[in-house]
Amino acid sequence: MMDDYFCEPTPIDPQLYARVKAYYDDCEAYDRTVCTGPVIHDSIMPANHRELGLINRYASQRLKQLKDETAGYPPEDVARAKRSLNR
């Protein structure tokens, strides 16, 4: 007899997903206020090293905030939520 086994992905916690999505949305919104380069794949690109430094610093600060916000979640779940938004 053969067992029917269907692998369903574990759903991502809605609050975790919302926090990770907010991180990406906030970073993109900041990028659009700073960067003057072209838009590639729906994301604005920095035109010079100054802009790159500014957006990297903001993303780093925002990532620290995200880590604090998601401290109660397993790191694997946070990574999976990030991957789900980067598709």
N, C-alpha and C. Protein backbone atom coordinates (compact mmCIF):
# COMPACT_ATOMS: atom_id res chain seq x y z
N MET A 1 0.84 -1.18 0.00
CA MET A 1 0.00 0.00 0.00
C MET A 1 0.89 1.25 0.00
N MET A 2 0.48 2.19 -0.76
CA MET A 2 1.28 3.41 -0.87
C MET A 2 0.61 4.54 -0.09
N ASP A 3 1.38 5.21 0.70
CA ASP A 3 0.84 6.35 1.43
C ASP A 3 0.80 7.57 0.52
N ASP A 4 -0.27 8.30 0.62
CA ASP A 4 -0.35 9.57 -0.11
C ASP A 4 0.30 10.64 0.76
N TYR A 5 1.37 11.20 0.27
CA TYR A 5 2.08 12.22 1.02
C TYR A 5 2.26 13.44 0.13
N PHE A 6 1.68 14.50 0.56
CA PHE A 6 1.83 15.76 -0.16
C PHE A 6 2.55 16.73 0.75
N CYS A 7 3.60 17.27 0.25
CA CYS A 7 4.39 18.21 1.04
C CYS A 7 3.83 19.62 0.84
N GLU A 8 3.25 20.13 1.87
CA GLU A 8 2.73 21.49 1.85
C GLU A 8 3.69 22.37 2.63
N PRO A 9 4.06 23.51 2.09
CA PRO A 9 4.94 24.39 2.86
C PRO A 9 4.21 24.92 4.09
N THR A 10 4.94 25.05 5.15
CA THR A 10 4.37 25.62 6.36
C THR A 10 4.07 27.10 6.09
N PRO A 11 2.85 27.52 6.39
CA PRO A 11 2.53 28.93 6.12
C PRO A 11 3.37 29.87 6.99
N ILE A 12 3.68 31.00 6.43
CA ILE A 12 4.46 32.01 7.14
C ILE A 12 3.50 32.78 8.04
N ASP A 13 3.93 33.02 9.26
CA ASP A 13 3.13 33.78 10.22
C ASP A 13 2.81 35.15 9.61
N PRO A 14 1.53 35.54 9.59
CA PRO A 14 1.15 36.81 8.95
C PRO A 14 1.84 38.04 9.55
N GLN A 15 2.03 38.03 10.87
CA GLN A 15 2.70 39.18 11.50
C GLN A 15 4.18 39.24 11.10
N LEU A 16 4.81 38.08 11.03
CA LEU A 16 6.21 38.04 10.60
C LEU A 16 6.33 38.51 9.16
N TYR A 17 5.46 38.01 8.31
CA TYR A 17 5.47 38.41 6.90
C TYR A 17 5.28 39.93 6.79
N ALA A 18 4.36 40.48 7.55
CA ALA A 18 4.10 41.93 7.50
C ALA A 18 5.32 42.73 7.94
N ARG A 19 6.02 42.26 8.96
CA ARG A 19 7.22 42.97 9.44
C ARG A 19 8.33 42.94 8.40
N VAL A 20 8.54 41.78 7.79
CA VAL A 20 9.58 41.65 6.77
C VAL A 20 9.22 42.48 5.55
N LYS A 21 7.96 42.45 5.15
CA LYS A 21 7.51 43.24 4.00
C LYS A 21 7.69 44.73 4.28
N ALA A 22 7.38 45.14 5.50
CA ALA A 22 7.57 46.55 5.88
C ALA A 22 9.03 46.96 5.77
N TYR A 23 9.95 46.05 6.14
CA TYR A 23 11.38 46.33 6.01
C TYR A 23 11.73 46.62 4.56
N TYR A 24 11.31 45.73 3.65
CA TYR A 24 11.62 45.92 2.23
C TYR A 24 10.94 47.18 1.68
N ASP A 25 9.70 47.40 2.05
CA ASP A 25 8.98 48.59 1.57
C ASP A 25 9.63 49.88 2.08
N ASP A 26 10.02 49.89 3.35
CA ASP A 26 10.67 51.08 3.92
C ASP A 26 12.01 51.37 3.23
N CYS A 27 12.77 50.31 3.00
CA CYS A 27 14.07 50.50 2.33
C CYS A 27 13.88 51.03 0.92
N GLU A 28 12.93 50.48 0.20
CA GLU A 28 12.68 50.94 -1.17
C GLU A 28 12.18 52.39 -1.18
N ALA A 29 11.31 52.73 -0.24
CA ALA A 29 10.82 54.11 -0.15
C ALA A 29 11.97 55.07 0.14
N TYR A 30 12.87 54.69 1.05
CA TYR A 30 14.02 55.53 1.34
C TYR A 30 14.92 55.65 0.11
N ASP A 31 15.16 54.52 -0.55
CA ASP A 31 16.00 54.53 -1.75
C ASP A 31 15.46 55.53 -2.77
N ARG A 32 14.15 55.58 -2.92
CA ARG A 32 13.54 56.46 -3.91
C ARG A 32 13.65 57.94 -3.53
N THR A 33 13.89 58.22 -2.26
CA THR A 33 14.09 59.62 -1.86
C THR A 33 15.54 60.06 -2.02
N VAL A 34 16.47 59.10 -2.08
CA VAL A 34 17.90 59.41 -2.11
C VAL A 34 18.51 59.22 -3.49
N CYS A 35 18.12 58.15 -4.16
CA CYS A 35 18.79 57.76 -5.40
C CYS A 35 18.31 58.54 -6.62
N THR A 36 19.27 58.78 -7.52
CA THR A 36 18.96 59.49 -8.75
C THR A 36 19.30 58.66 -9.98
N GLY A 37 19.62 57.38 -9.77
CA GLY A 37 19.98 56.50 -10.87
C GLY A 37 18.76 55.92 -11.56
N PRO A 38 18.99 54.99 -12.46
CA PRO A 38 17.88 54.41 -13.22
C PRO A 38 17.06 53.43 -12.37
N VAL A 39 15.84 53.15 -12.82
CA VAL A 39 15.00 52.13 -12.20
C VAL A 39 15.21 50.84 -12.97
N ILE A 40 15.63 49.79 -12.26
CA ILE A 40 15.88 48.49 -12.87
C ILE A 40 15.11 47.45 -12.07
N HIS A 41 14.29 46.67 -12.76
CA HIS A 41 13.47 45.63 -12.10
C HIS A 41 12.65 46.23 -10.97
N ASP A 42 12.03 47.36 -11.21
CA ASP A 42 11.15 48.05 -10.25
C ASP A 42 11.87 48.58 -9.01
N SER A 43 13.18 48.63 -9.02
CA SER A 43 13.94 49.19 -7.90
C SER A 43 14.86 50.27 -8.44
N ILE A 44 14.92 51.38 -7.70
CA ILE A 44 15.79 52.47 -8.13
C ILE A 44 17.23 52.16 -7.74
N MET A 45 18.15 52.54 -8.58
CA MET A 45 19.57 52.27 -8.36
C MET A 45 20.30 53.56 -7.96
N PRO A 46 21.31 53.43 -7.11
CA PRO A 46 22.11 54.61 -6.76
C PRO A 46 22.95 55.05 -7.95
N ALA A 47 23.13 56.34 -8.07
CA ALA A 47 23.90 56.88 -9.19
C ALA A 47 25.38 57.03 -8.85
N ASN A 48 25.71 57.04 -7.55
CA ASN A 48 27.11 57.23 -7.16
C ASN A 48 27.37 56.57 -5.81
N HIS A 49 28.61 56.65 -5.36
CA HIS A 49 28.99 56.01 -4.10
C HIS A 49 28.35 56.67 -2.89
N ARG A 50 28.10 57.95 -2.97
CA ARG A 50 27.45 58.65 -1.86
C ARG A 50 26.05 58.11 -1.63
N GLU A 51 25.29 57.98 -2.71
CA GLU A 51 23.94 57.44 -2.61
C GLU A 51 23.97 55.99 -2.12
N LEU A 52 24.92 55.22 -2.62
CA LEU A 52 25.06 53.83 -2.21
C LEU A 52 25.33 53.74 -0.70
N GLY A 53 26.20 54.60 -0.22
CA GLY A 53 26.51 54.62 1.22
C GLY A 53 25.29 54.99 2.05
N LEU A 54 24.53 55.97 1.59
CA LEU A 54 23.33 56.38 2.33
C LEU A 54 22.30 55.26 2.41
N ILE A 55 22.03 54.60 1.29
CA ILE A 55 21.00 53.57 1.32
C ILE A 55 21.48 52.33 2.08
N ASN A 56 22.78 52.03 2.01
CA ASN A 56 23.31 50.90 2.78
C ASN A 56 23.23 51.16 4.28
N ARG A 57 23.52 52.39 4.68
CA ARG A 57 23.45 52.74 6.10
C ARG A 57 22.01 52.64 6.60
N TYR A 58 21.07 53.14 5.80
CA TYR A 58 19.66 53.06 6.19
C TYR A 58 19.20 51.61 6.27
N ALA A 59 19.56 50.81 5.27
CA ALA A 59 19.15 49.40 5.26
C ALA A 59 19.73 48.66 6.46
N SER A 60 20.96 48.97 6.82
CA SER A 60 21.59 48.33 7.98
C SER A 60 20.86 48.70 9.26
N GLN A 61 20.53 49.97 9.43
CA GLN A 61 19.78 50.41 10.61
C GLN A 61 18.41 49.74 10.65
N ARG A 62 17.77 49.69 9.51
CA ARG A 62 16.43 49.09 9.44
C ARG A 62 16.48 47.58 9.68
N LEU A 63 17.56 46.91 9.24
CA LEU A 63 17.72 45.48 9.48
C LEU A 63 17.91 45.20 10.97
N LYS A 64 18.66 46.04 11.66
CA LYS A 64 18.80 45.89 13.11
C LYS A 64 17.44 46.01 13.79
N GLN A 65 16.64 46.96 13.33
CA GLN A 65 15.30 47.14 13.87
C GLN A 65 14.44 45.90 13.59
N LEU A 66 14.54 45.36 12.38
CA LEU A 66 13.79 44.15 12.03
C LEU A 66 14.21 42.98 12.92
N LYS A 67 15.49 42.84 13.17
CA LYS A 67 15.97 41.76 14.04
C LYS A 67 15.39 41.89 15.45
N ASP A 68 15.30 43.12 15.95
CA ASP A 68 14.69 43.33 17.26
C ASP A 68 13.19 42.97 17.23
N GLU A 69 12.52 43.36 16.16
CA GLU A 69 11.08 43.11 16.04
C GLU A 69 10.77 41.62 15.90
N THR A 70 11.69 40.86 15.32
CA THR A 70 11.43 39.44 15.05
C THR A 70 12.23 38.52 15.98
N ALA A 71 12.68 39.04 17.10
CA ALA A 71 13.52 38.26 18.01
C ALA A 71 12.79 37.01 18.52
N GLY A 72 11.49 37.01 18.61
CA GLY A 72 10.74 35.87 19.12
C GLY A 72 10.49 34.78 18.10
N TYR A 73 10.87 35.01 16.85
CA TYR A 73 10.65 34.03 15.79
C TYR A 73 11.93 33.22 15.54
N PRO A 74 11.78 31.96 15.16
CA PRO A 74 12.98 31.19 14.79
C PRO A 74 13.67 31.82 13.57
N PRO A 75 15.00 31.85 13.56
CA PRO A 75 15.72 32.46 12.43
C PRO A 75 15.35 31.84 11.09
N GLU A 76 15.02 30.55 11.08
CA GLU A 76 14.65 29.90 9.82
C GLU A 76 13.35 30.49 9.26
N ASP A 77 12.42 30.82 10.16
CA ASP A 77 11.15 31.40 9.71
C ASP A 77 11.37 32.81 9.15
N VAL A 78 12.25 33.58 9.79
CA VAL A 78 12.54 34.93 9.29
C VAL A 78 13.21 34.84 7.92
N ALA A 79 14.15 33.91 7.78
CA ALA A 79 14.84 33.74 6.49
C ALA A 79 13.85 33.31 5.41
N ARG A 80 12.91 32.43 5.76
CA ARG A 80 11.92 31.97 4.78
C ARG A 80 10.99 33.12 4.38
N ALA A 81 10.63 33.98 5.33
CA ALA A 81 9.79 35.14 5.02
C ALA A 81 10.54 36.09 4.07
N LYS A 82 11.84 36.29 4.31
CA LYS A 82 12.64 37.14 3.43
C LYS A 82 12.71 36.56 2.02
N ARG A 83 12.94 35.24 1.95
CA ARG A 83 13.01 34.60 0.64
C ARG A 83 11.69 34.70 -0.12
N SER A 84 10.59 34.62 0.61
CA SER A 84 9.29 34.68 -0.06
C SER A 84 9.06 36.04 -0.72
N LEU A 85 9.68 37.08 -0.19
CA LEU A 85 9.53 38.42 -0.76
C LEU A 85 10.56 38.71 -1.86
N ASN A 86 11.59 37.91 -1.94
CA ASN A 86 12.65 38.16 -2.94
C ASN A 86 12.49 37.33 -4.19
N ARG A 87 11.32 36.83 -4.44
CA ARG A 87 11.10 36.00 -5.63
C ARG A 87 10.76 36.83 -6.81
